[in-house]
């Protein structure tokens, strides 16, 4: 279930992942990882960016 504090992915598309909140990063990483077998190249690239941003913040 999505928290009220998490913007939907289409709202975040124009923002760099550095502007996303921790909650948004972790939520969308979890959802996109679950869907990874069906992601296209753009989705896979976005998931990679999200993971890199999470690692950078840790």
N, C-alpha and C. Protein backbone atom coordinates (compact mmCIF):
# COMPACT_ATOMS: atom_id res chain seq x y z
N UNK A 1 0.84 -1.19 0.00
CA UNK A 1 0.00 0.00 0.00
C UNK A 1 0.88 1.24 0.00
N UNK A 2 0.53 2.18 -0.82
CA UNK A 2 1.32 3.40 -0.95
C UNK A 2 0.95 4.40 0.13
N UNK A 3 1.98 4.97 0.74
CA UNK A 3 1.78 5.99 1.76
C UNK A 3 1.31 7.29 1.10
N UNK A 4 0.63 8.12 1.85
CA UNK A 4 0.19 9.42 1.33
C UNK A 4 1.37 10.34 1.04
N UNK A 5 2.53 10.06 1.65
CA UNK A 5 3.71 10.91 1.47
C UNK A 5 4.50 10.57 0.22
N UNK A 6 4.14 9.49 -0.45
CA UNK A 6 4.89 9.03 -1.62
C UNK A 6 4.17 9.48 -2.89
N UNK A 7 4.90 10.23 -3.71
CA UNK A 7 4.34 10.66 -4.99
C UNK A 7 4.39 9.48 -5.96
N UNK A 8 3.46 9.46 -6.86
CA UNK A 8 3.42 8.40 -7.88
C UNK A 8 4.58 8.58 -8.85
N UNK A 9 4.95 7.49 -9.49
CA UNK A 9 6.13 7.48 -10.35
C UNK A 9 6.01 8.50 -11.48
N UNK A 10 4.82 8.70 -12.03
CA UNK A 10 4.68 9.67 -13.12
C UNK A 10 4.90 11.11 -12.62
N UNK A 11 4.69 11.36 -11.34
CA UNK A 11 4.96 12.68 -10.77
C UNK A 11 6.45 12.90 -10.56
N UNK A 12 7.21 11.82 -10.46
CA UNK A 12 8.64 11.89 -10.17
C UNK A 12 9.51 11.80 -11.43
N UNK A 13 8.92 11.45 -12.56
CA UNK A 13 9.68 11.23 -13.79
C UNK A 13 10.57 12.40 -14.18
N UNK A 14 10.13 13.61 -13.96
CA UNK A 14 10.90 14.78 -14.38
C UNK A 14 11.90 15.25 -13.32
N UNK A 15 11.93 14.59 -12.18
CA UNK A 15 12.86 14.96 -11.11
C UNK A 15 14.02 13.99 -11.06
N UNK A 16 15.19 14.49 -10.74
CA UNK A 16 16.33 13.61 -10.49
C UNK A 16 16.05 12.82 -9.22
N UNK A 17 16.60 11.62 -9.15
CA UNK A 17 16.35 10.79 -7.97
C UNK A 17 16.91 11.44 -6.71
N UNK A 18 17.86 12.34 -6.85
CA UNK A 18 18.39 13.04 -5.67
C UNK A 18 17.34 13.94 -5.02
N UNK A 19 16.28 14.28 -5.75
CA UNK A 19 15.20 15.11 -5.21
C UNK A 19 14.08 14.27 -4.60
N UNK A 20 14.16 12.96 -4.72
CA UNK A 20 13.14 12.07 -4.15
C UNK A 20 13.40 11.91 -2.67
N UNK A 21 12.34 11.64 -1.91
CA UNK A 21 12.50 11.37 -0.48
C UNK A 21 12.97 9.92 -0.31
N UNK A 22 13.50 9.63 0.87
CA UNK A 22 13.91 8.25 1.19
C UNK A 22 12.73 7.30 1.02
N UNK A 23 11.59 7.72 1.51
CA UNK A 23 10.39 6.88 1.44
C UNK A 23 10.02 6.59 -0.01
N UNK A 24 10.10 7.61 -0.86
CA UNK A 24 9.79 7.42 -2.28
C UNK A 24 10.78 6.47 -2.94
N UNK A 25 12.05 6.64 -2.65
CA UNK A 25 13.07 5.76 -3.23
C UNK A 25 12.81 4.30 -2.86
N UNK A 26 12.61 4.05 -1.58
CA UNK A 26 12.43 2.68 -1.11
C UNK A 26 11.12 2.07 -1.61
N UNK A 27 10.07 2.87 -1.63
CA UNK A 27 8.78 2.36 -2.10
C UNK A 27 8.88 1.95 -3.57
N UNK A 28 9.38 2.86 -4.42
CA UNK A 28 9.42 2.58 -5.85
C UNK A 28 10.46 1.52 -6.19
N UNK A 29 11.53 1.43 -5.42
CA UNK A 29 12.51 0.37 -5.64
C UNK A 29 11.88 -0.99 -5.37
N UNK A 30 11.11 -1.07 -4.31
CA UNK A 30 10.45 -2.33 -3.95
C UNK A 30 9.43 -2.73 -5.03
N UNK A 31 8.61 -1.78 -5.45
CA UNK A 31 7.58 -2.08 -6.45
C UNK A 31 8.24 -2.45 -7.78
N UNK A 32 9.22 -1.66 -8.21
CA UNK A 32 9.85 -1.92 -9.51
C UNK A 32 10.66 -3.21 -9.49
N UNK A 33 11.25 -3.55 -8.36
CA UNK A 33 11.98 -4.81 -8.26
C UNK A 33 11.02 -5.99 -8.41
N UNK A 34 9.84 -5.87 -7.82
CA UNK A 34 8.84 -6.93 -7.96
C UNK A 34 8.40 -7.09 -9.42
N UNK A 35 8.40 -5.98 -10.15
CA UNK A 35 7.95 -5.99 -11.55
C UNK A 35 9.11 -6.13 -12.54
N UNK A 36 10.32 -6.28 -12.06
CA UNK A 36 11.50 -6.25 -12.92
C UNK A 36 11.47 -7.20 -14.12
N UNK A 37 10.88 -8.39 -14.00
CA UNK A 37 10.84 -9.24 -15.20
C UNK A 37 10.06 -8.63 -16.37
N UNK A 38 9.20 -7.67 -16.08
CA UNK A 38 8.36 -7.08 -17.12
C UNK A 38 8.74 -5.64 -17.47
N UNK A 39 9.80 -5.10 -16.86
CA UNK A 39 10.20 -3.73 -17.15
C UNK A 39 10.86 -3.65 -18.52
N UNK A 40 10.60 -2.54 -19.21
CA UNK A 40 11.30 -2.29 -20.47
C UNK A 40 12.64 -1.65 -20.15
N UNK A 41 13.39 -1.28 -21.16
CA UNK A 41 14.73 -0.70 -20.95
C UNK A 41 14.67 0.58 -20.12
N UNK A 42 13.67 1.41 -20.36
CA UNK A 42 13.54 2.66 -19.60
C UNK A 42 13.24 2.36 -18.13
N UNK A 43 12.38 1.41 -17.87
CA UNK A 43 12.06 1.03 -16.49
C UNK A 43 13.26 0.44 -15.77
N UNK A 44 14.01 -0.40 -16.48
CA UNK A 44 15.22 -0.99 -15.89
C UNK A 44 16.26 0.07 -15.57
N UNK A 45 16.40 1.06 -16.46
CA UNK A 45 17.34 2.16 -16.22
C UNK A 45 16.91 2.99 -15.01
N UNK A 46 15.61 3.23 -14.88
CA UNK A 46 15.10 4.00 -13.73
C UNK A 46 15.34 3.23 -12.44
N UNK A 47 15.08 1.93 -12.44
CA UNK A 47 15.32 1.11 -11.26
C UNK A 47 16.80 1.17 -10.87
N UNK A 48 17.68 1.11 -11.84
CA UNK A 48 19.11 1.21 -11.57
C UNK A 48 19.47 2.55 -10.93
N UNK A 49 18.89 3.63 -11.43
CA UNK A 49 19.13 4.96 -10.86
C UNK A 49 18.64 5.03 -9.42
N UNK A 50 17.49 4.45 -9.16
CA UNK A 50 16.93 4.45 -7.81
C UNK A 50 17.85 3.69 -6.86
N UNK A 51 18.31 2.53 -7.29
CA UNK A 51 19.21 1.73 -6.45
C UNK A 51 20.52 2.48 -6.19
N UNK A 52 21.05 3.12 -7.22
CA UNK A 52 22.29 3.90 -7.04
C UNK A 52 22.09 5.04 -6.05
N UNK A 53 20.94 5.71 -6.12
CA UNK A 53 20.67 6.82 -5.20
C UNK A 53 20.53 6.31 -3.76
N UNK A 54 19.86 5.18 -3.58
CA UNK A 54 19.74 4.59 -2.24
C UNK A 54 21.13 4.26 -1.69
N UNK A 55 21.97 3.65 -2.50
CA UNK A 55 23.32 3.29 -2.07
C UNK A 55 24.15 4.54 -1.76
N UNK A 56 23.97 5.58 -2.53
CA UNK A 56 24.72 6.82 -2.31
C UNK A 56 24.33 7.46 -0.97
N UNK A 57 23.08 7.33 -0.59
CA UNK A 57 22.61 7.94 0.65
C UNK A 57 22.97 7.12 1.89
N UNK A 58 23.22 5.83 1.72
CA UNK A 58 23.54 4.96 2.88
C UNK A 58 24.89 5.26 3.46
